[in-house]
Amino acid sequence: MMNRLIRALLAMKDRLIGAAFIAAVLIPTYFFIPGDYFQQVFYFCMAWSIGEILSTMMLRPFAGRMRTAGTLQIAALYLALIFCIFLRKQEIAFVVIASFLSDTGAFAFGKLIGKHKATLVSKISPNKTIEGCIGGVLFPLLALPIGWLIGIHFEVTIALIIYLLLSGLIAEIGDLLGSATKRELGMKDSGEVLWNVPVAKWIEYPLKGMGGYLDRVDSISLGIVLFTIIVPRQ
């Protein structure tokens, strides 16, 4: 178990660097900068991800190949951009926490105890395990106590509980959609095409080891849509 833990931590090196960058951007923006700058960070990330997908579609030859996953991904990102207008920064932060917990749970369970391949999605994500999927669904339940600890207080309603129970599943679907999009477009990192553009290179750099901006917002975008539909404004 200790050896698996060490290997998991080494495998998470790029993720930890990316997570440190995300925290350095989001925490000051959320707690110390007034106004809607926190929301604007997510507008930028989702809009940039749309640009990543569209630029790949236009600049790489895909003769005769369907681009269904990429089209669905763009639609999800556009919906999230629209729905963000109706959410306060506390609500967006709550969705982000739930989505990140799902990603963390899936990665940790998959690396530490993952033994059984999730054959249903093996063509999209060959490293996905059943144990990882379980972790991805269970971990978002921790969003409520974590939210309370940092001052994100919600009235515990049936709608909120339903959202938390579904948020892990929707985050997993978003992650698979992101993986399907990248596989469909033939890229490992969602910023591969833009990586050769001087200005874009520096914007892409902080998340290059984490698969690009799309990997950070693929589950968040669907989470924002789900939250807006299920949870009444408080």
C-alpha atoms as a PDB file:
ATOM      1  CA  MET A   1       0.000   0.000   0.000  1.00  0.00           C
ATOM      2  CA  MET A   2       2.845   2.401   0.854  1.00  0.00           C
ATOM      3  CA  ASN A   3       4.479   1.818  -2.523  1.00  0.00           C
ATOM      4  CA  ARG A   4       1.176   2.493  -4.279  1.00  0.00           C
ATOM      5  CA  LEU A   5       0.768   5.677  -2.241  1.00  0.00           C
ATOM      6  CA  ILE A   6       4.246   6.898  -3.242  1.00  0.00           C
ATOM      7  CA  ARG A   7       3.571   6.081  -6.894  1.00  0.00           C
ATOM      8  CA  ALA A   8       0.231   7.878  -6.686  1.00  0.00           C
ATOM      9  CA  LEU A   9       1.876  10.997  -5.225  1.00  0.00           C
ATOM     10  CA  LEU A  10       4.534  10.975  -7.948  1.00  0.00           C
ATOM     11  CA  ALA A  11       1.826  10.572 -10.582  1.00  0.00           C
ATOM     12  CA  MET A  12       0.030  13.544  -9.040  1.00  0.00           C
ATOM     13  CA  LYS A  13       3.061  15.846  -9.339  1.00  0.00           C
ATOM     14  CA  ASP A  14       1.722  17.761 -12.329  1.00  0.00           C
ATOM     15  CA  ARG A  15      -1.751  17.829 -10.804  1.00  0.00           C
ATOM     16  CA  LEU A  16      -0.384  19.258  -7.561  1.00  0.00           C
ATOM     17  CA  ILE A  17       1.476  21.993  -9.452  1.00  0.00           C
ATOM     18  CA  GLY A  18      -1.664  22.826 -11.388  1.00  0.00           C
ATOM     19  CA  ALA A  19      -3.752  22.718  -8.215  1.00  0.00           C
ATOM     20  CA  ALA A  20      -1.363  25.130  -6.513  1.00  0.00           C
ATOM     21  CA  PHE A  21      -1.751  27.527  -9.452  1.00  0.00           C
ATOM     22  CA  ILE A  22      -5.552  27.227  -9.341  1.00  0.00           C
ATOM     23  CA  ALA A  23      -5.588  27.859  -5.595  1.00  0.00           C
ATOM     24  CA  ALA A  24      -3.284  30.870  -6.001  1.00  0.00           C
ATOM     25  CA  VAL A  25      -5.757  32.367  -8.488  1.00  0.00           C
ATOM     26  CA  LEU A  26      -9.092  31.401  -6.937  1.00  0.00           C
ATOM     27  CA  ILE A  27      -8.526  31.902  -3.210  1.00  0.00           C
ATOM     28  CA  PRO A  28      -7.457  35.584  -3.356  1.00  0.00           C
ATOM     29  CA  THR A  29     -10.061  36.263  -6.050  1.00  0.00           C
ATOM     30  CA  TYR A  30     -12.846  34.767  -3.956  1.00  0.00           C
ATOM     31  CA  PHE A  31     -11.956  36.080  -0.495  1.00  0.00           C
ATOM     32  CA  PHE A  32     -10.126  39.362  -1.044  1.00  0.00           C
ATOM     33  CA  ILE A  33     -11.129  40.944  -4.365  1.00  0.00           C
ATOM     34  CA  PRO A  34     -14.572  42.580  -4.398  1.00  0.00           C
ATOM     35  CA  GLY A  35     -16.912  42.463  -7.357  1.00  0.00           C
ATOM     36  CA  ASP A  36     -17.430  39.676  -9.861  1.00  0.00           C
ATOM     37  CA  TYR A  37     -13.788  38.867 -10.625  1.00  0.00           C
ATOM     38  CA  PHE A  38     -14.243  35.327  -9.290  1.00  0.00           C
ATOM     39  CA  GLN A  39     -16.993  34.656 -11.825  1.00  0.00           C
ATOM     40  CA  GLN A  40     -14.891  36.207 -14.562  1.00  0.00           C
ATOM     41  CA  VAL A  41     -12.135  33.650 -13.929  1.00  0.00           C
ATOM     42  CA  PHE A  42     -14.590  30.931 -14.874  1.00  0.00           C
ATOM     43  CA  TYR A  43     -15.960  32.833 -17.830  1.00  0.00           C
ATOM     44  CA  PHE A  44     -12.396  33.026 -19.115  1.00  0.00           C
ATOM     45  CA  CYS A  45     -11.586  29.338 -18.470  1.00  0.00           C
ATOM     46  CA  MET A  46     -14.750  28.097 -20.179  1.00  0.00           C
ATOM     47  CA  ALA A  47     -14.408  30.504 -23.098  1.00  0.00           C
ATOM     48  CA  TRP A  48     -10.736  29.541 -23.481  1.00  0.00           C
ATOM     49  CA  SER A  49     -11.670  25.851 -23.508  1.00  0.00           C
ATOM     50  CA  ILE A  50     -14.148  26.516 -26.305  1.00  0.00           C
ATOM     51  CA  GLY A  51     -11.305  28.214 -28.190  1.00  0.00           C
ATOM     52  CA  GLU A  52      -9.061  25.182 -27.603  1.00  0.00           C
ATOM     53  CA  ILE A  53     -11.634  22.834 -29.115  1.00  0.00           C
ATOM     54  CA  LEU A  54     -12.554  25.080 -32.043  1.00  0.00           C
ATOM     55  CA  SER A  55      -8.928  25.806 -32.929  1.00  0.00           C
ATOM     56  CA  THR A  56      -8.165  22.083 -32.989  1.00  0.00           C
ATOM     57  CA  MET A  57     -11.198  21.381 -35.165  1.00  0.00           C
ATOM     58  CA  MET A  58     -10.136  24.053 -37.647  1.00  0.00           C
ATOM     59  CA  LEU A  59      -6.371  23.518 -37.727  1.00  0.00           C
ATOM     60  CA  ARG A  60      -6.150  19.726 -37.746  1.00  0.00           C
ATOM     61  CA  PRO A  61      -7.337  17.622 -40.708  1.00  0.00           C
ATOM     62  CA  PHE A  62     -10.156  15.236 -39.759  1.00  0.00           C
ATOM     63  CA  ALA A  63     -11.489  14.188 -43.142  1.00  0.00           C
ATOM     64  CA  GLY A  64     -14.723  12.220 -42.851  1.00  0.00           C
ATOM     65  CA  ARG A  65     -14.626  12.035 -39.054  1.00  0.00           C
ATOM     66  CA  MET A  66     -17.605  12.941 -36.896  1.00  0.00           C
ATOM     67  CA  ARG A  67     -16.981  15.496 -34.172  1.00  0.00           C
ATOM     68  CA  THR A  68     -19.938  14.623 -31.948  1.00  0.00           C
ATOM     69  CA  ALA A  69     -18.101  14.762 -28.605  1.00  0.00           C
ATOM     70  CA  GLY A  70     -16.468  18.101 -29.433  1.00  0.00           C
ATOM     71  CA  THR A  71     -19.818  19.581 -30.441  1.00  0.00           C
ATOM     72  CA  LEU A  72     -21.492  18.344 -27.240  1.00  0.00           C
ATOM     73  CA  GLN A  73     -18.581  19.685 -25.189  1.00  0.00           C
ATOM     74  CA  ILE A  74     -18.884  23.129 -26.756  1.00  0.00           C
ATOM     75  CA  ALA A  75     -22.646  23.098 -26.114  1.00  0.00           C
ATOM     76  CA  ALA A  76     -22.055  22.215 -22.440  1.00  0.00           C
ATOM     77  CA  LEU A  77     -19.514  25.021 -22.054  1.00  0.00           C
ATOM     78  CA  TYR A  78     -21.831  27.544 -23.703  1.00  0.00           C
ATOM     79  CA  LEU A  79     -24.713  26.489 -21.428  1.00  0.00           C
ATOM     80  CA  ALA A  80     -22.463  26.871 -18.383  1.00  0.00           C
ATOM     81  CA  LEU A  81     -21.429  30.344 -19.526  1.00  0.00           C
ATOM     82  CA  ILE A  82     -25.090  31.345 -19.795  1.00  0.00           C
ATOM     83  CA  PHE A  83     -26.147  29.726 -16.509  1.00  0.00           C
ATOM     84  CA  CYS A  84     -23.267  31.362 -14.613  1.00  0.00           C
ATOM     85  CA  ILE A  85     -25.141  34.651 -15.038  1.00  0.00           C
ATOM     86  CA  PHE A  86     -27.821  33.392 -12.657  1.00  0.00           C
ATOM     87  CA  LEU A  87     -25.421  32.194  -9.928  1.00  0.00           C
ATOM     88  CA  ARG A  88     -23.672  34.074  -7.147  1.00  0.00           C
ATOM     89  CA  LYS A  89     -19.985  33.480  -6.570  1.00  0.00           C
ATOM     90  CA  GLN A  90     -20.793  31.366  -3.473  1.00  0.00           C
ATOM     91  CA  GLU A  91     -22.859  29.033  -5.613  1.00  0.00           C
ATOM     92  CA  ILE A  92     -20.198  28.780  -8.320  1.00  0.00           C
ATOM     93  CA  ALA A  93     -17.566  28.110  -5.643  1.00  0.00           C
ATOM     94  CA  PHE A  94     -19.739  25.323  -4.217  1.00  0.00           C
ATOM     95  CA  VAL A  95     -20.031  23.691  -7.655  1.00  0.00           C
ATOM     96  CA  VAL A  96     -16.263  24.008  -8.123  1.00  0.00           C
ATOM     97  CA  ILE A  97     -15.598  22.345  -4.747  1.00  0.00           C
ATOM     98  CA  ALA A  98     -17.961  19.457  -5.560  1.00  0.00           C
ATOM     99  CA  SER A  99     -16.396  18.997  -9.015  1.00  0.00           C
ATOM    100  CA  PHE A 100     -12.833  19.105  -7.689  1.00  0.00           C
ATOM    101  CA  LEU A 101     -13.745  16.618  -4.954  1.00  0.00           C
ATOM    102  CA  SER A 102     -15.143  14.264  -7.587  1.00  0.00           C
ATOM    103  CA  ASP A 103     -11.952  14.544  -9.627  1.00  0.00           C
ATOM    104  CA  THR A 104      -9.809  14.026  -6.511  1.00  0.00           C
ATOM    105  CA  GLY A 105     -11.851  11.056  -5.315  1.00  0.00           C
ATOM    106  CA  ALA A 106     -11.763   9.383  -8.717  1.00  0.00           C
ATOM    107  CA  PHE A 107      -8.004   9.876  -9.043  1.00  0.00           C
ATOM    108  CA  ALA A 108      -7.176   8.818  -5.466  1.00  0.00           C
ATOM    109  CA  PHE A 109      -9.415   5.736  -5.408  1.00  0.00           C
ATOM    110  CA  GLY A 110      -8.250   4.743  -8.880  1.00  0.00           C
ATOM    111  CA  LYS A 111      -4.551   5.016  -8.007  1.00  0.00           C
ATOM    112  CA  LEU A 112      -4.715   3.564  -4.489  1.00  0.00           C
ATOM    113  CA  ILE A 113      -7.256   0.758  -4.708  1.00  0.00           C
ATOM    114  CA  GLY A 114      -8.284   0.635  -8.367  1.00  0.00           C
ATOM    115  CA  LYS A 115      -8.166  -2.951  -9.647  1.00  0.00           C
ATOM    116  CA  HIS A 116     -11.228  -3.419 -11.831  1.00  0.00           C
ATOM    117  CA  LYS A 117     -11.335  -1.654 -15.190  1.00  0.00           C
ATOM    118  CA  ALA A 118     -14.524   0.235 -16.033  1.00  0.00           C
ATOM    119  CA  THR A 119     -15.062  -1.667 -19.267  1.00  0.00           C
ATOM    120  CA  LEU A 120     -18.128   0.346 -20.304  1.00  0.00           C
ATOM    121  CA  VAL A 121     -15.986   3.464 -20.800  1.00  0.00           C
ATOM    122  CA  SER A 122     -12.634   1.825 -21.584  1.00  0.00           C
ATOM    123  CA  LYS A 123     -12.642   3.101 -25.183  1.00  0.00           C
ATOM    124  CA  ILE A 124     -12.964   6.688 -23.944  1.00  0.00           C
ATOM    125  CA  SER A 125     -10.856   6.489 -20.786  1.00  0.00           C
ATOM    126  CA  PRO A 126      -8.824   3.248 -20.679  1.00  0.00           C
ATOM    127  CA  ASN A 127      -7.374   3.944 -17.215  1.00  0.00           C
ATOM    128  CA  LYS A 128     -10.757   4.466 -15.557  1.00  0.00           C
ATOM    129  CA  THR A 129     -11.547   1.924 -12.830  1.00  0.00           C
ATOM    130  CA  ILE A 130     -14.757   0.990 -11.030  1.00  0.00           C
ATOM    131  CA  GLU A 131     -13.147   1.983  -7.725  1.00  0.00           C
ATOM    132  CA  GLY A 132     -12.208   5.360  -9.208  1.00  0.00           C
ATOM    133  CA  CYS A 133     -15.789   5.911 -10.373  1.00  0.00           C
ATOM    134  CA  ILE A 134     -17.067   5.126  -6.871  1.00  0.00           C
ATOM    135  CA  GLY A 135     -14.623   7.631  -5.359  1.00  0.00           C
ATOM    136  CA  GLY A 136     -15.683  10.236  -7.915  1.00  0.00           C
ATOM    137  CA  VAL A 137     -19.343   9.819  -6.935  1.00  0.00           C
ATOM    138  CA  LEU A 138     -18.832   9.739  -3.133  1.00  0.00           C
ATOM    139  CA  PHE A 139     -16.309  12.532  -2.572  1.00  0.00           C
ATOM    140  CA  PRO A 140     -18.599  15.438  -3.609  1.00  0.00           C
ATOM    141  CA  LEU A 141     -20.697  14.702  -0.494  1.00  0.00           C
ATOM    142  CA  LEU A 142     -17.839  16.361   1.432  1.00  0.00           C
ATOM    143  CA  ALA A 143     -18.595  19.671  -0.311  1.00  0.00           C
ATOM    144  CA  LEU A 144     -21.210  20.607   2.291  1.00  0.00           C
ATOM    145  CA  PRO A 145     -18.954  20.433   5.401  1.00  0.00           C
ATOM    146  CA  ILE A 146     -16.017  21.949   3.495  1.00  0.00           C
ATOM    147  CA  GLY A 147     -18.267  24.767   2.296  1.00  0.00           C
ATOM    148  CA  TRP A 148     -19.382  25.488   5.843  1.00  0.00           C
ATOM    149  CA  LEU A 149     -15.761  25.572   7.035  1.00  0.00           C
ATOM    150  CA  ILE A 150     -14.841  28.307   4.547  1.00  0.00           C
ATOM    151  CA  GLY A 151     -18.013  30.330   4.955  1.00  0.00           C
ATOM    152  CA  ILE A 152     -20.191  29.015   2.107  1.00  0.00           C
ATOM    153  CA  HIS A 153     -23.425  28.473   4.009  1.00  0.00           C
ATOM    154  CA  PHE A 154     -26.436  26.936   2.314  1.00  0.00           C
ATOM    155  CA  GLU A 155     -29.723  25.891   3.801  1.00  0.00           C
ATOM    156  CA  VAL A 156     -29.749  22.104   3.661  1.00  0.00           C
ATOM    157  CA  THR A 157     -32.720  21.335   1.439  1.00  0.00           C
ATOM    158  CA  ILE A 158     -33.861  18.231  -0.400  1.00  0.00           C
ATOM    159  CA  ALA A 159     -32.845  19.909  -3.667  1.00  0.00           C
ATOM    160  CA  LEU A 160     -29.310  20.520  -2.376  1.00  0.00           C
ATOM    161  CA  ILE A 161     -28.967  16.921  -1.191  1.00  0.00           C
ATOM    162  CA  ILE A 162     -30.183  15.663  -4.574  1.00  0.00           C
ATOM    163  CA  TYR A 163     -27.620  17.887  -6.275  1.00  0.00           C
ATOM    164  CA  LEU A 164     -24.793  16.512  -4.099  1.00  0.00           C
ATOM    165  CA  LEU A 165     -25.875  12.927  -4.783  1.00  0.00           C
ATOM    166  CA  LEU A 166     -25.914  13.611  -8.533  1.00  0.00           C
ATOM    167  CA  SER A 167     -22.944  15.973  -8.738  1.00  0.00           C
ATOM    168  CA  GLY A 168     -20.373  13.175  -8.587  1.00  0.00           C
ATOM    169  CA  LEU A 169     -22.135  11.324 -11.391  1.00  0.00           C
ATOM    170  CA  ILE A 170     -22.473  14.446 -13.552  1.00  0.00           C
ATOM    171  CA  ALA A 171     -18.813  15.293 -12.899  1.00  0.00           C
ATOM    172  CA  GLU A 172     -17.838  11.793 -14.069  1.00  0.00           C
ATOM    173  CA  ILE A 173     -19.943  12.284 -17.212  1.00  0.00           C
ATOM    174  CA  GLY A 174     -18.305  15.666 -17.809  1.00  0.00           C
ATOM    175  CA  ASP A 175     -14.863  14.143 -17.379  1.00  0.00           C
ATOM    176  CA  LEU A 176     -15.686  11.360 -19.845  1.00  0.00           C
ATOM    177  CA  LEU A 177     -17.069  13.893 -22.321  1.00  0.00           C
ATOM    178  CA  GLY A 178     -13.830  15.863 -22.046  1.00  0.00           C
ATOM    179  CA  SER A 179     -11.795  12.683 -22.585  1.00  0.00           C
ATOM    180  CA  ALA A 180     -13.972  11.723 -25.566  1.00  0.00           C
ATOM    181  CA  THR A 181     -13.493  15.193 -27.052  1.00  0.00           C
ATOM    182  CA  LYS A 182      -9.713  14.999 -26.783  1.00  0.00           C
ATOM    183  CA  ARG A 183      -9.640  11.452 -28.134  1.00  0.00           C
ATOM    184  CA  GLU A 184     -11.911  12.457 -31.013  1.00  0.00           C
ATOM    185  CA  LEU A 185      -9.656  15.403 -31.876  1.00  0.00           C
ATOM    186  CA  GLY A 186      -6.467  13.382 -31.429  1.00  0.00           C
ATOM    187  CA  MET A 187      -4.917  15.400 -28.611  1.00  0.00           C
ATOM    188  CA  LYS A 188      -3.643  14.503 -25.159  1.00  0.00           C
ATOM    189  CA  ASP A 189      -3.529  18.054 -23.833  1.00  0.00           C
ATOM    190  CA  SER A 190      -6.414  20.339 -24.784  1.00  0.00           C
ATOM    191  CA  GLY A 191      -4.008  23.201 -25.493  1.00  0.00           C
ATOM    192  CA  GLU A 192      -1.719  21.344 -27.898  1.00  0.00           C
ATOM    193  CA  VAL A 193      -2.630  23.415 -30.961  1.00  0.00           C
ATOM    194  CA  LEU A 194      -2.528  26.743 -29.133  1.00  0.00           C
ATOM    195  CA  TRP A 195       0.759  25.745 -27.469  1.00  0.00           C
ATOM    196  CA  ASN A 196       2.611  26.971 -30.556  1.00  0.00           C
ATOM    197  CA  VAL A 197       1.112  30.471 -30.308  1.00  0.00           C
ATOM    198  CA  PRO A 198       3.495  32.695 -28.245  1.00  0.00           C
ATOM    199  CA  VAL A 199       0.880  34.467 -26.100  1.00  0.00           C
ATOM    200  CA  ALA A 200      -1.302  31.359 -25.737  1.00  0.00           C
ATOM    201  CA  LYS A 201       1.745  29.357 -24.663  1.00  0.00           C
ATOM    202  CA  TRP A 202       2.040  31.304 -21.424  1.00  0.00           C
ATOM    203  CA  ILE A 203      -1.700  31.155 -20.765  1.00  0.00           C
ATOM    204  CA  GLU A 204      -1.632  27.384 -21.305  1.00  0.00           C
ATOM    205  CA  TYR A 205       1.552  26.731 -19.323  1.00  0.00           C
ATOM    206  CA  PRO A 206       0.167  26.603 -15.739  1.00  0.00           C
ATOM    207  CA  LEU A 207      -2.244  23.776 -16.589  1.00  0.00           C
ATOM    208  CA  LYS A 208      -0.182  21.973 -19.220  1.00  0.00           C
ATOM    209  CA  GLY A 209       0.624  19.107 -16.862  1.00  0.00           C
ATOM    210  CA  MET A 210      -3.056  18.707 -15.990  1.00  0.00           C
ATOM    211  CA  GLY A 211      -4.348  18.258 -19.531  1.00  0.00           C
ATOM    212  CA  GLY A 212      -5.190  21.896 -20.225  1.00  0.00           C
ATOM    213  CA  TYR A 213      -8.081  24.133 -19.268  1.00  0.00           C
ATOM    214  CA  LEU A 214     -10.667  21.733 -20.659  1.00  0.00           C
ATOM    215  CA  ASP A 215      -9.690  19.127 -18.059  1.00  0.00           C
ATOM    216  CA  ARG A 216     -10.407  21.641 -15.297  1.00  0.00           C
ATOM    217  CA  VAL A 217     -13.814  22.790 -16.521  1.00  0.00           C
ATOM    218  CA  ASP A 218     -15.295  19.749 -18.286  1.00  0.00           C
ATOM    219  CA  SER A 219     -16.972  18.524 -15.094  1.00  0.00           C
ATOM    220  CA  ILE A 220     -17.546  22.028 -13.685  1.00  0.00           C
ATOM    221  CA  SER A 221     -19.544  23.103 -16.746  1.00  0.00           C
ATOM    222  CA  LEU A 222     -22.066  20.280 -16.376  1.00  0.00           C
ATOM    223  CA  GLY A 223     -22.087  20.828 -12.610  1.00  0.00           C
ATOM    224  CA  ILE A 224     -23.101  24.465 -13.086  1.00  0.00           C
ATOM    225  CA  VAL A 225     -25.920  23.410 -15.423  1.00  0.00           C
ATOM    226  CA  LEU A 226     -27.121  20.752 -12.933  1.00  0.00           C
ATOM    227  CA  PHE A 227     -26.951  23.129  -9.952  1.00  0.00           C
ATOM    228  CA  THR A 228     -28.859  25.892 -11.765  1.00  0.00           C
ATOM    229  CA  ILE A 229     -31.628  23.476 -12.762  1.00  0.00           C
ATOM    230  CA  ILE A 230     -32.016  21.609  -9.438  1.00  0.00           C
ATOM    231  CA  VAL A 231     -31.233  24.054  -6.629  1.00  0.00           C
ATOM    232  CA  PRO A 232     -33.548  27.081  -6.176  1.00  0.00           C
ATOM    233  CA  ARG A 233     -31.799  30.426  -5.654  1.00  0.00           C
ATOM    234  CA  GLN A 234     -31.351  31.105  -1.926  1.00  0.00           C
END
